Amino acid sequence: MEQPRILITGGTGFAGSHLVEALLEQGYSDIHVTSFSGEDSFIARLIGSENIHRLDLTDSESTAKLLQSLQPDQMYHLAALAFVGKSFDEADRVLMNNIAVQQSVLLAVRDHCKKARLLVVGSAEEYGVSISEEELPVSETHPFRPINPYAVSKISQDMLSYAYFVSYDLDIVTVRPFNHIGERQSTEFAIPAFTKQIVAIERGEQTELKVGDLSTVRDFTDVKDVVRAYILVMNKGKSGEAYNIGSGTGVLMSAIVEQLSALATKEIVIVTDKSRLRPHDIPKMVANNAKMKLLGWEPTIPLEETLRRVMSWYRNN
């Protein structure tokens, strides 16, 4: 096949690094990434340091220059501040950054590479609270009821993208991933935070596992399955459409902690840390993934296998 030139914004981050690996495995070779901090040894080993572009995506002039020179055929737009729990404390930063980044990318595509296909990564957080069990599992037509500034910022990114799709006929598809987990994820997120603590307990550096609200239900998918879905939507998704990416199965957070504790080499004492509780949390969030299944995708990696892999990664890093 003729190789498309691919640009991944935020390509040195958690999902971005797994996306680079997946693209290489599928035979893609002309891959570039943007990174706010620039050099990244892991990604450099995969695609070469010359293909890592240091860029502040809120700088629209610099973003335009990069897209004008690179002329990507496909763009995966992953870059965003993803502080869900802390987004009230940093609301100005999260809102201003995520909206500015989206606007900057859209302008650059419109003005310099209008024929490129842009995949915008939204979030299941956009849907927020379901007011009845009848609304679950959550489909792409579920109303937006955001409960934190991060969710508001992702809705803004989503709606800006739709506006540019309609007004400028840009080739844009949107994905709304539910919780995804795997190696290299920030401890801002629950499962890596739990795992890091458990490994610290195994090493005698900590005595208790501190947790927040474990009564919520979430839909977890291995990041390797998620990025495979990104690639499928990039190549087969309908322009202007949004696609939920999730397993379709809800799991209690308490069950996740039990599974992680069972993998530990020491007994785990669990305590609730009030500082880890959010002002309000979504009680239950499960994906209706029927649209993705119609494209030919479904998750393949069992949750237990992912949790074992994450635990192993933290023990070795």
C-alpha atoms as a PDB file:
ATOM      1  CA  MET A   1       0.000   0.000   0.000  1.00  0.00           C
ATOM      2  CA  GLU A   2       1.060   3.607  -0.509  1.00  0.00           C
ATOM      3  CA  GLN A   3       2.174   4.826   2.898  1.00  0.00           C
ATOM      4  CA  PRO A   4       0.118   7.678   4.335  1.00  0.00           C
ATOM      5  CA  ARG A   5       2.065  10.266   6.296  1.00  0.00           C
ATOM      6  CA  ILE A   6       0.690  10.093   9.839  1.00  0.00           C
ATOM      7  CA  LEU A   7       0.891  12.771  12.542  1.00  0.00           C
ATOM      8  CA  ILE A   8      -0.091  11.985  16.139  1.00  0.00           C
ATOM      9  CA  THR A   9      -0.484  14.962  18.463  1.00  0.00           C
ATOM     10  CA  GLY A  10       0.527  14.008  21.981  1.00  0.00           C
ATOM     11  CA  GLY A  11       2.176  10.940  20.489  1.00  0.00           C
ATOM     12  CA  THR A  12       4.621  10.475  23.372  1.00  0.00           C
ATOM     13  CA  GLY A  13       1.791  10.156  25.916  1.00  0.00           C
ATOM     14  CA  PHE A  14       0.062   7.046  27.243  1.00  0.00           C
ATOM     15  CA  ALA A  15      -2.362   6.235  24.409  1.00  0.00           C
ATOM     16  CA  GLY A  16      -0.117   7.918  21.836  1.00  0.00           C
ATOM     17  CA  SER A  17       2.832   5.637  22.544  1.00  0.00           C
ATOM     18  CA  HIS A  18       0.615   2.550  22.216  1.00  0.00           C
ATOM     19  CA  LEU A  19      -0.833   3.958  18.982  1.00  0.00           C
ATOM     20  CA  VAL A  20       2.689   4.341  17.545  1.00  0.00           C
ATOM     21  CA  GLU A  21       3.414   0.695  18.429  1.00  0.00           C
ATOM     22  CA  ALA A  22       0.133  -0.480  16.868  1.00  0.00           C
ATOM     23  CA  LEU A  23       0.675   1.476  13.648  1.00  0.00           C
ATOM     24  CA  LEU A  24       4.175   0.024  13.259  1.00  0.00           C
ATOM     25  CA  GLU A  25       2.813  -3.490  13.858  1.00  0.00           C
ATOM     26  CA  GLN A  26       0.234  -2.914  11.107  1.00  0.00           C
ATOM     27  CA  GLY A  27       2.933  -1.907   8.619  1.00  0.00           C
ATOM     28  CA  TYR A  28       2.749   1.889   8.734  1.00  0.00           C
ATOM     29  CA  SER A  29       6.159   3.546   8.661  1.00  0.00           C
ATOM     30  CA  ASP A  30       5.840   7.293   7.959  1.00  0.00           C
ATOM     31  CA  ILE A  31       4.861   8.291  11.504  1.00  0.00           C
ATOM     32  CA  HIS A  32       5.445  11.649  13.170  1.00  0.00           C
ATOM     33  CA  VAL A  33       4.417  12.793  16.651  1.00  0.00           C
ATOM     34  CA  THR A  34       4.197  16.088  18.493  1.00  0.00           C
ATOM     35  CA  SER A  35       5.380  16.407  22.070  1.00  0.00           C
ATOM     36  CA  PHE A  36       5.197  19.406  24.381  1.00  0.00           C
ATOM     37  CA  SER A  37       8.495  18.416  25.999  1.00  0.00           C
ATOM     38  CA  GLY A  38      10.195  17.226  22.809  1.00  0.00           C
ATOM     39  CA  GLU A  39      12.636  14.300  23.106  1.00  0.00           C
ATOM     40  CA  ASP A  40      11.261  10.956  24.287  1.00  0.00           C
ATOM     41  CA  SER A  41      13.678   8.010  24.332  1.00  0.00           C
ATOM     42  CA  PHE A  42      10.970   5.323  24.075  1.00  0.00           C
ATOM     43  CA  ILE A  43       9.293   6.850  21.008  1.00  0.00           C
ATOM     44  CA  ALA A  44      12.658   7.856  19.507  1.00  0.00           C
ATOM     45  CA  ARG A  45      13.672   4.178  19.488  1.00  0.00           C
ATOM     46  CA  LEU A  46      10.501   3.383  17.536  1.00  0.00           C
ATOM     47  CA  ILE A  47      10.349   6.142  14.913  1.00  0.00           C
ATOM     48  CA  GLY A  48      13.577   8.157  15.296  1.00  0.00           C
ATOM     49  CA  SER A  49      14.091  11.403  17.185  1.00  0.00           C
ATOM     50  CA  GLU A  50      13.812  13.401  13.933  1.00  0.00           C
ATOM     51  CA  ASN A  51      10.122  12.413  13.762  1.00  0.00           C
ATOM     52  CA  ILE A  52       9.382  13.834  17.233  1.00  0.00           C
ATOM     53  CA  HIS A  53       8.363  17.477  16.855  1.00  0.00           C
ATOM     54  CA  ARG A  54       8.534  19.669  19.941  1.00  0.00           C
ATOM     55  CA  LEU A  55       5.432  21.835  19.808  1.00  0.00           C
ATOM     56  CA  ASP A  56       3.120  23.837  22.041  1.00  0.00           C
ATOM     57  CA  LEU A  57      -0.145  23.176  20.230  1.00  0.00           C
ATOM     58  CA  THR A  58      -1.770  26.269  21.768  1.00  0.00           C
ATOM     59  CA  ASP A  59       0.655  28.257  19.572  1.00  0.00           C
ATOM     60  CA  SER A  60      -1.414  28.403  16.392  1.00  0.00           C
ATOM     61  CA  GLU A  61       1.399  29.894  14.290  1.00  0.00           C
ATOM     62  CA  SER A  62       3.855  27.111  15.144  1.00  0.00           C
ATOM     63  CA  THR A  63       1.145  24.469  14.694  1.00  0.00           C
ATOM     64  CA  ALA A  64       0.317  25.857  11.249  1.00  0.00           C
ATOM     65  CA  LYS A  65       4.005  25.826  10.249  1.00  0.00           C
ATOM     66  CA  LEU A  66       4.402  22.171  11.228  1.00  0.00           C
ATOM     67  CA  LEU A  67       1.316  21.042   9.319  1.00  0.00           C
ATOM     68  CA  GLN A  68       2.275  23.127   6.312  1.00  0.00           C
ATOM     69  CA  SER A  69       5.706  21.499   6.166  1.00  0.00           C
ATOM     70  CA  LEU A  70       4.669  17.930   7.041  1.00  0.00           C
ATOM     71  CA  GLN A  71       1.470  17.735   4.958  1.00  0.00           C
ATOM     72  CA  PRO A  72       0.077  14.711   6.854  1.00  0.00           C
ATOM     73  CA  ASP A  73      -2.519  12.478   5.196  1.00  0.00           C
ATOM     74  CA  GLN A  74      -3.862  11.259   8.549  1.00  0.00           C
ATOM     75  CA  MET A  75      -3.868  13.034  11.913  1.00  0.00           C
ATOM     76  CA  TYR A  76      -4.667  11.429  15.257  1.00  0.00           C
ATOM     77  CA  HIS A  77      -5.373  14.297  17.649  1.00  0.00           C
ATOM     78  CA  LEU A  78      -4.746  12.919  21.150  1.00  0.00           C
ATOM     79  CA  ALA A  79      -3.109  15.923  22.828  1.00  0.00           C
ATOM     80  CA  ALA A  80      -5.033  17.341  25.803  1.00  0.00           C
ATOM     81  CA  LEU A  81      -4.689  17.923  29.520  1.00  0.00           C
ATOM     82  CA  ALA A  82      -6.480  14.948  31.086  1.00  0.00           C
ATOM     83  CA  PHE A  83      -6.828  15.930  34.739  1.00  0.00           C
ATOM     84  CA  VAL A  84     -10.307  14.547  35.431  1.00  0.00           C
ATOM     85  CA  GLY A  85     -10.310  14.442  39.234  1.00  0.00           C
ATOM     86  CA  LYS A  86      -8.245  17.605  39.625  1.00  0.00           C
ATOM     87  CA  SER A  87      -9.932  19.595  36.869  1.00  0.00           C
ATOM     88  CA  PHE A  88     -11.915  21.731  39.345  1.00  0.00           C
ATOM     89  CA  ASP A  89      -8.639  22.797  40.967  1.00  0.00           C
ATOM     90  CA  GLU A  90      -7.121  23.613  37.569  1.00  0.00           C
ATOM     91  CA  ALA A  91     -10.294  24.536  35.669  1.00  0.00           C
ATOM     92  CA  ASP A  92      -8.869  27.609  33.911  1.00  0.00           C
ATOM     93  CA  ARG A  93      -5.805  25.708  32.721  1.00  0.00           C
ATOM     94  CA  VAL A  94      -7.725  22.636  31.526  1.00  0.00           C
ATOM     95  CA  LEU A  95     -10.443  24.602  29.725  1.00  0.00           C
ATOM     96  CA  MET A  96      -8.183  27.173  28.093  1.00  0.00           C
ATOM     97  CA  ASN A  97      -5.540  24.635  27.040  1.00  0.00           C
ATOM     98  CA  ASN A  98      -7.850  21.992  25.591  1.00  0.00           C
ATOM     99  CA  ILE A  99     -10.011  24.455  23.672  1.00  0.00           C
ATOM    100  CA  ALA A 100      -6.999  26.426  22.376  1.00  0.00           C
ATOM    101  CA  VAL A 101      -5.272  23.223  21.252  1.00  0.00           C
ATOM    102  CA  GLN A 102      -8.367  22.094  19.356  1.00  0.00           C
ATOM    103  CA  GLN A 103      -8.869  25.447  17.649  1.00  0.00           C
ATOM    104  CA  SER A 104      -5.187  25.623  16.707  1.00  0.00           C
ATOM    105  CA  VAL A 105      -5.223  22.159  15.105  1.00  0.00           C
ATOM    106  CA  LEU A 106      -8.485  22.774  13.237  1.00  0.00           C
ATOM    107  CA  LEU A 107      -7.265  26.089  11.809  1.00  0.00           C
ATOM    108  CA  ALA A 108      -3.993  24.505  10.685  1.00  0.00           C
ATOM    109  CA  VAL A 109      -5.806  21.636   8.952  1.00  0.00           C
ATOM    110  CA  ARG A 110      -8.271  24.030   7.288  1.00  0.00           C
ATOM    111  CA  ASP A 111      -5.565  26.365   6.027  1.00  0.00           C
ATOM    112  CA  HIS A 112      -2.701  23.999   5.152  1.00  0.00           C
ATOM    113  CA  CYS A 113      -3.792  20.365   4.699  1.00  0.00           C
ATOM    114  CA  LYS A 114      -7.518  20.383   4.059  1.00  0.00           C
ATOM    115  CA  LYS A 115      -7.513  16.916   2.499  1.00  0.00           C
ATOM    116  CA  ALA A 116      -6.052  15.277   5.608  1.00  0.00           C
ATOM    117  CA  ARG A 117      -8.314  13.021   7.676  1.00  0.00           C
ATOM    118  CA  LEU A 118      -8.451  14.114  11.309  1.00  0.00           C
ATOM    119  CA  LEU A 119      -9.405  11.742  14.127  1.00  0.00           C
ATOM    120  CA  VAL A 120     -10.379  13.703  17.240  1.00  0.00           C
ATOM    121  CA  VAL A 121     -10.204  11.906  20.585  1.00  0.00           C
ATOM    122  CA  GLY A 122     -13.060  12.921  22.865  1.00  0.00           C
ATOM    123  CA  SER A 123     -14.041  11.174  26.098  1.00  0.00           C
ATOM    124  CA  ALA A 124     -16.878   9.220  27.692  1.00  0.00           C
ATOM    125  CA  GLU A 125     -16.723  11.931  30.387  1.00  0.00           C
ATOM    126  CA  GLU A 126     -18.686  14.104  27.940  1.00  0.00           C
ATOM    127  CA  TYR A 127     -21.814  12.039  28.608  1.00  0.00           C
ATOM    128  CA  GLY A 128     -21.665  12.550  32.364  1.00  0.00           C
ATOM    129  CA  VAL A 129     -24.572  11.319  34.438  1.00  0.00           C
ATOM    130  CA  SER A 130     -27.304   8.968  33.273  1.00  0.00           C
ATOM    131  CA  ILE A 131     -30.609   9.796  34.914  1.00  0.00           C
ATOM    132  CA  SER A 132     -32.023   6.269  34.614  1.00  0.00           C
ATOM    133  CA  GLU A 133     -30.928   2.693  33.951  1.00  0.00           C
ATOM    134  CA  GLU A 134     -32.821   2.932  30.640  1.00  0.00           C
ATOM    135  CA  GLU A 135     -30.089   5.284  29.366  1.00  0.00           C
ATOM    136  CA  LEU A 136     -27.449   2.586  29.884  1.00  0.00           C
ATOM    137  CA  PRO A 137     -25.376   1.406  28.142  1.00  0.00           C
ATOM    138  CA  VAL A 138     -24.508   4.870  26.807  1.00  0.00           C
ATOM    139  CA  SER A 139     -24.836   5.356  23.052  1.00  0.00           C
ATOM    140  CA  GLU A 140     -23.376   8.176  20.925  1.00  0.00           C
ATOM    141  CA  THR A 141     -26.755   9.980  21.013  1.00  0.00           C
ATOM    142  CA  HIS A 142     -26.767  10.203  24.821  1.00  0.00           C
ATOM    143  CA  PRO A 143     -27.100  13.864  25.919  1.00  0.00           C
ATOM    144  CA  PHE A 144     -24.026  15.607  27.305  1.00  0.00           C
ATOM    145  CA  ARG A 145     -24.324  16.148  31.070  1.00  0.00           C
ATOM    146  CA  PRO A 146     -20.743  16.996  32.125  1.00  0.00           C
ATOM    147  CA  ILE A 147     -19.908  17.006  35.831  1.00  0.00           C
ATOM    148  CA  ASN A 148     -16.364  18.438  35.741  1.00  0.00           C
ATOM    149  CA  PRO A 149     -14.388  21.058  33.772  1.00  0.00           C
ATOM    150  CA  TYR A 150     -12.381  18.378  31.946  1.00  0.00           C
ATOM    151  CA  ALA A 151     -15.624  16.960  30.516  1.00  0.00           C
ATOM    152  CA  VAL A 152     -16.692  20.478  29.470  1.00  0.00           C
ATOM    153  CA  SER A 153     -13.346  20.950  27.683  1.00  0.00           C
ATOM    154  CA  LYS A 154     -13.778  17.665  25.785  1.00  0.00           C
ATOM    155  CA  ILE A 155     -17.329  18.612  24.730  1.00  0.00           C
ATOM    156  CA  SER A 156     -15.905  21.902  23.455  1.00  0.00           C
ATOM    157  CA  GLN A 157     -13.268  20.012  21.447  1.00  0.00           C
ATOM    158  CA  ASP A 158     -15.936  17.676  20.103  1.00  0.00           C
ATOM    159  CA  MET A 159     -18.325  20.474  19.101  1.00  0.00           C
ATOM    160  CA  LEU A 160     -15.578  22.658  17.588  1.00  0.00           C
ATOM    161  CA  SER A 161     -14.584  19.713  15.413  1.00  0.00           C
ATOM    162  CA  TYR A 162     -18.171  19.219  14.287  1.00  0.00           C
ATOM    163  CA  ALA A 163     -18.456  22.937  13.463  1.00  0.00           C
ATOM    164  CA  TYR A 164     -15.368  22.762  11.235  1.00  0.00           C
ATOM    165  CA  PHE A 165     -16.624  19.553   9.614  1.00  0.00           C
ATOM    166  CA  VAL A 166     -19.908  21.258   8.692  1.00  0.00           C
ATOM    167  CA  SER A 167     -18.605  24.742   7.871  1.00  0.00           C
ATOM    168  CA  TYR A 168     -15.379  23.879   6.023  1.00  0.00           C
ATOM    169  CA  ASP A 169     -16.078  20.326   4.816  1.00  0.00           C
ATOM    170  CA  LEU A 170     -13.076  18.928   6.707  1.00  0.00           C
ATOM    171  CA  ASP A 171     -12.718  15.154   6.915  1.00  0.00           C
ATOM    172  CA  ILE A 172     -13.152  14.653  10.673  1.00  0.00           C
ATOM    173  CA  VAL A 173     -14.143  11.602  12.708  1.00  0.00           C
ATOM    174  CA  THR A 174     -14.525  11.563  16.487  1.00  0.00           C
ATOM    175  CA  VAL A 175     -13.975   8.790  19.015  1.00  0.00           C
ATOM    176  CA  ARG A 176     -15.185   8.829  22.608  1.00  0.00           C
ATOM    177  CA  PRO A 177     -13.136   6.264  24.519  1.00  0.00           C
ATOM    178  CA  PHE A 178     -14.313   4.963  27.874  1.00  0.00           C
ATOM    179  CA  ASN A 179     -11.757   4.039  30.564  1.00  0.00           C
ATOM    180  CA  HIS A 180      -8.658   2.506  28.986  1.00  0.00           C
ATOM    181  CA  ILE A 181      -5.746   1.013  30.872  1.00  0.00           C
ATOM    182  CA  GLY A 182      -2.268  -0.363  30.301  1.00  0.00           C
ATOM    183  CA  GLU A 183       1.429   0.315  30.781  1.00  0.00           C
ATOM    184  CA  ARG A 184       2.785   3.883  30.942  1.00  0.00           C
ATOM    185  CA  GLN A 185      -0.463   5.483  32.139  1.00  0.00           C
ATOM    186  CA  SER A 186      -0.255   8.437  34.531  1.00  0.00           C
ATOM    187  CA  THR A 187      -0.970   7.822  38.228  1.00  0.00           C
ATOM    188  CA  GLU A 188      -3.555  10.620  37.911  1.00  0.00           C
ATOM    189  CA  PHE A 189      -5.784   7.676  36.914  1.00  0.00           C
ATOM    190  CA  ALA A 190      -7.195   5.116  39.336  1.00  0.00           C
ATOM    191  CA  ILE A 191      -5.696   1.785  38.236  1.00  0.00           C
ATOM    192  CA  PRO A 192      -2.082   2.972  37.889  1.00  0.00           C
ATOM    193  CA  ALA A 193      -2.482   4.837  41.201  1.00  0.00           C
ATOM    194  CA  PHE A 194      -3.663   1.627  42.912  1.00  0.00           C
ATOM    195  CA  THR A 195      -0.969  -0.485  41.245  1.00  0.00           C
ATOM    196  CA  LYS A 196       1.874   1.865  42.149  1.00  0.00           C
ATOM    197  CA  GLN A 197       0.757   1.792  45.791  1.00  0.00           C
ATOM    198  CA  ILE A 198       0.499  -2.009  45.850  1.00  0.00           C
ATOM    199  CA  VAL A 199       4.041  -2.333  44.494  1.00  0.00           C
ATOM    200  CA  ALA A 200       5.187   0.154  47.173  1.00  0.00           C
ATOM    201  CA  ILE A 201       3.509  -2.059  49.822  1.00  0.00           C
ATOM    202  CA  GLU A 202       5.276  -5.130  48.382  1.00  0.00           C
ATOM    203  CA  ARG A 203       8.580  -3.272  48.738  1.00  0.00           C
ATOM    204  CA  GLY A 204       7.846  -2.185  52.318  1.00  0.00           C
ATOM    205  CA  GLU A 205       7.652   1.500  51.329  1.00  0.00           C
ATOM    206  CA  GLN A 206       3.968   1.866  52.249  1.00  0.00           C
ATOM    207  CA  THR A 207       1.592   0.089  54.661  1.00  0.00           C
ATOM    208  CA  GLU A 208      -1.905   0.771  53.279  1.00  0.00           C
ATOM    209  CA  LEU A 209      -3.650   1.092  49.913  1.00  0.00           C
ATOM    210  CA  LYS A 210      -5.383   4.470  49.864  1.00  0.00           C
ATOM    211  CA  VAL A 211      -8.496   4.600  47.683  1.00  0.00           C
ATOM    212  CA  GLY A 212     -11.384   6.921  46.833  1.00  0.00           C
ATOM    213  CA  ASP A 213     -14.974   5.922  46.063  1.00  0.00           C
ATOM    214  CA  LEU A 214     -15.053   2.231  45.094  1.00  0.00           C
ATOM    215  CA  SER A 215     -18.839   2.028  44.608  1.00  0.00           C
ATOM    216  CA  THR A 216     -18.778   3.345  41.024  1.00  0.00           C
ATOM    217  CA  VAL A 217     -19.057   1.152  37.922  1.00  0.00           C
ATOM    218  CA  ARG A 218     -16.749   1.719  34.963  1.00  0.00           C
ATOM    219  CA  ASP A 219     -16.135   0.222  31.523  1.00  0.00           C
ATOM    220  CA  PHE A 220     -12.463  -0.778  31.123  1.00  0.00           C
ATOM    221  CA  THR A 221     -10.715  -1.648  27.856  1.00  0.00           C
ATOM    222  CA  ASP A 222      -7.056  -2.463  27.278  1.00  0.00           C
ATOM    223  CA  VAL A 223      -5.289   0.495  25.628  1.00  0.00           C
ATOM    224  CA  LYS A 224      -3.973  -1.886  22.948  1.00  0.00           C
ATOM    225  CA  ASP A 225      -7.556  -2.666  21.926  1.00  0.00           C
ATOM    226  CA  VAL A 226      -8.452   1.042  22.095  1.00  0.00           C
ATOM    227  CA  VAL A 227      -5.705   2.209  19.729  1.00  0.00           C
ATOM    228  CA  ARG A 228      -6.607  -0.608  17.345  1.00  0.00           C
ATOM    229  CA  ALA A 229     -10.093   0.940  17.319  1.00  0.00           C
ATOM    230  CA  TYR A 230      -8.585   4.373  16.567  1.00  0.00           C
ATOM    231  CA  ILE A 231      -6.846   2.965  13.488  1.00  0.00           C
ATOM    232  CA  LEU A 232     -10.048   1.271  12.314  1.00  0.00           C
ATOM    233  CA  VAL A 233     -12.101   4.470  12.713  1.00  0.00           C
ATOM    234  CA  MET A 234      -9.389   6.447  10.905  1.00  0.00           C
ATOM    235  CA  ASN A 235      -9.645   4.109   7.935  1.00  0.00           C
ATOM    236  CA  LYS A 236     -13.316   3.098   7.944  1.00  0.00           C
ATOM    237  CA  GLY A 237     -15.230   5.602  10.095  1.00  0.00           C
ATOM    238  CA  LYS A 238     -17.790   7.929   8.493  1.00  0.00           C
ATOM    239  CA  SER A 239     -16.802  11.581   8.358  1.00  0.00           C
ATOM    240  CA  GLY A 240     -18.745  13.727  10.835  1.00  0.00           C
ATOM    241  CA  GLU A 241     -19.646  10.742  13.029  1.00  0.00           C
ATOM    242  CA  ALA A 242     -18.674   9.890  16.617  1.00  0.00           C
ATOM    243  CA  TYR A 243     -17.807   6.386  17.831  1.00  0.00           C
ATOM    244  CA  ASN A 244     -17.846   5.049  21.393  1.00  0.00           C
ATOM    245  CA  ILE A 245     -14.882   2.844  22.249  1.00  0.00           C
ATOM    246  CA  GLY A 246     -15.482   0.591  25.235  1.00  0.00           C
ATOM    247  CA  SER A 247     -15.927  -3.028  26.217  1.00  0.00           C
ATOM    248  CA  GLY A 248     -19.666  -2.781  26.889  1.00  0.00           C
ATOM    249  CA  THR A 249     -19.136  -4.358  30.324  1.00  0.00           C
ATOM    250  CA  GLY A 250     -19.369  -2.498  33.636  1.00  0.00           C
ATOM    251  CA  VAL A 251     -17.061  -3.402  36.524  1.00  0.00           C
ATOM    252  CA  LEU A 252     -17.265  -2.188  40.121  1.00  0.00           C
ATOM    253  CA  MET A 253     -14.165  -0.274  41.198  1.00  0.00           C
ATOM    254  CA  SER A 254     -14.136  -2.381  44.360  1.00  0.00           C
ATOM    255  CA  ALA A 255     -13.797  -5.499  42.170  1.00  0.00           C
ATOM    256  CA  ILE A 256     -10.819  -3.923  40.387  1.00  0.00           C
ATOM    257  CA  VAL A 257      -9.109  -3.314  43.735  1.00  0.00           C
ATOM    258  CA  GLU A 258      -9.855  -6.906  44.777  1.00  0.00           C
ATOM    259  CA  GLN A 259      -8.289  -8.261  41.574  1.00  0.00           C
ATOM    260  CA  LEU A 260      -5.185  -6.093  41.956  1.00  0.00           C
ATOM    261  CA  SER A 261      -4.874  -7.058  45.639  1.00  0.00           C
ATOM    262  CA  ALA A 262      -5.081 -10.733  44.674  1.00  0.00           C
ATOM    263  CA  LEU A 263      -2.038 -10.233  42.406  1.00  0.00           C
ATOM    264  CA  ALA A 264       0.012  -8.771  45.271  1.00  0.00           C
ATOM    265  CA  THR A 265       2.729 -10.717  47.081  1.00  0.00           C
ATOM    266  CA  LYS A 266       1.689  -9.202  50.436  1.00  0.00           C
ATOM    267  CA  GLU A 267      -1.644  -8.742  52.182  1.00  0.00           C
ATOM    268  CA  ILE A 268      -3.217  -5.428  51.178  1.00  0.00           C
ATOM    269  CA  VAL A 269      -4.959  -3.252  53.769  1.00  0.00           C
ATOM    270  CA  ILE A 270      -7.408  -0.874  52.083  1.00  0.00           C
ATOM    271  CA  VAL A 271      -8.325   2.533  53.572  1.00  0.00           C
ATOM    272  CA  THR A 272     -10.503   5.325  52.187  1.00  0.00           C
ATOM    273  CA  ASP A 273      -8.615   8.574  51.677  1.00  0.00           C
ATOM    274  CA  LYS A 274     -11.061  11.514  51.714  1.00  0.00           C
ATOM    275  CA  SER A 275      -8.665  13.595  49.613  1.00  0.00           C
ATOM    276  CA  ARG A 276      -9.227  11.118  46.764  1.00  0.00           C
ATOM    277  CA  LEU A 277     -12.993  11.652  46.740  1.00  0.00           C
ATOM    278  CA  ARG A 278     -14.397  13.898  43.984  1.00  0.00           C
ATOM    279  CA  PRO A 279     -17.101  16.569  44.579  1.00  0.00           C
ATOM    280  CA  HIS A 280     -19.417  14.343  42.530  1.00  0.00           C
ATOM    281  CA  ASP A 281     -18.778  11.159  40.604  1.00  0.00           C
ATOM    282  CA  ILE A 282     -20.679   9.369  37.855  1.00  0.00           C
ATOM    283  CA  PRO A 283     -22.228   6.292  39.539  1.00  0.00           C
ATOM    284  CA  LYS A 284     -22.236   4.074  36.445  1.00  0.00           C
ATOM    285  CA  MET A 285     -20.685   4.451  32.988  1.00  0.00           C
ATOM    286  CA  VAL A 286     -20.884   1.639  30.417  1.00  0.00           C
ATOM    287  CA  ALA A 287     -20.431   1.938  26.643  1.00  0.00           C
ATOM    288  CA  ASN A 288     -22.857   0.934  23.955  1.00  0.00           C
ATOM    289  CA  ASN A 289     -20.227  -0.108  21.392  1.00  0.00           C
ATOM    290  CA  ALA A 290     -22.608  -1.251  18.636  1.00  0.00           C
ATOM    291  CA  LYS A 291     -21.272   1.296  16.104  1.00  0.00           C
ATOM    292  CA  MET A 292     -17.703   0.055  16.580  1.00  0.00           C
ATOM    293  CA  LYS A 293     -18.836  -3.553  16.228  1.00  0.00           C
ATOM    294  CA  LEU A 294     -20.432  -2.648  12.884  1.00  0.00           C
ATOM    295  CA  LEU A 295     -16.984  -1.478  11.743  1.00  0.00           C
ATOM    296  CA  GLY A 296     -15.603  -4.892  12.735  1.00  0.00           C
ATOM    297  CA  TRP A 297     -14.040  -4.081  16.119  1.00  0.00           C
ATOM    298  CA  GLU A 298     -14.415  -5.671  19.498  1.00  0.00           C
ATOM    299  CA  PRO A 299     -12.066  -5.887  22.474  1.00  0.00           C
ATOM    300  CA  THR A 300      -9.864  -8.985  22.583  1.00  0.00           C
ATOM    301  CA  ILE A 301      -7.750  -8.649  25.752  1.00  0.00           C
ATOM    302  CA  PRO A 302      -9.352  -9.811  29.037  1.00  0.00           C
ATOM    303  CA  LEU A 303      -9.303  -7.366  31.964  1.00  0.00           C
ATOM    304  CA  GLU A 304      -7.411  -9.852  34.142  1.00  0.00           C
ATOM    305  CA  GLU A 305      -4.606 -10.061  31.579  1.00  0.00           C
ATOM    306  CA  THR A 306      -4.332  -6.255  31.410  1.00  0.00           C
ATOM    307  CA  LEU A 307      -4.178  -5.925  35.190  1.00  0.00           C
ATOM    308  CA  ARG A 308      -1.401  -8.543  35.368  1.00  0.00           C
ATOM    309  CA  ARG A 309       0.541  -6.692  32.694  1.00  0.00           C
ATOM    310  CA  VAL A 310       0.167  -3.319  34.461  1.00  0.00           C
ATOM    311  CA  MET A 311       1.281  -4.862  37.752  1.00  0.00           C
ATOM    312  CA  SER A 312       4.317  -6.418  36.071  1.00  0.00           C
ATOM    313  CA  TRP A 313       5.216  -3.112  34.417  1.00  0.00           C
ATOM    314  CA  TYR A 314       5.153  -1.228  37.733  1.00  0.00           C
ATOM    315  CA  ARG A 315       7.275  -3.910  39.407  1.00  0.00           C
ATOM    316  CA  ASN A 316       9.911  -3.505  36.679  1.00  0.00           C
ATOM    317  CA  ASN A 317       9.819   0.286  36.351  1.00  0.00           C
END
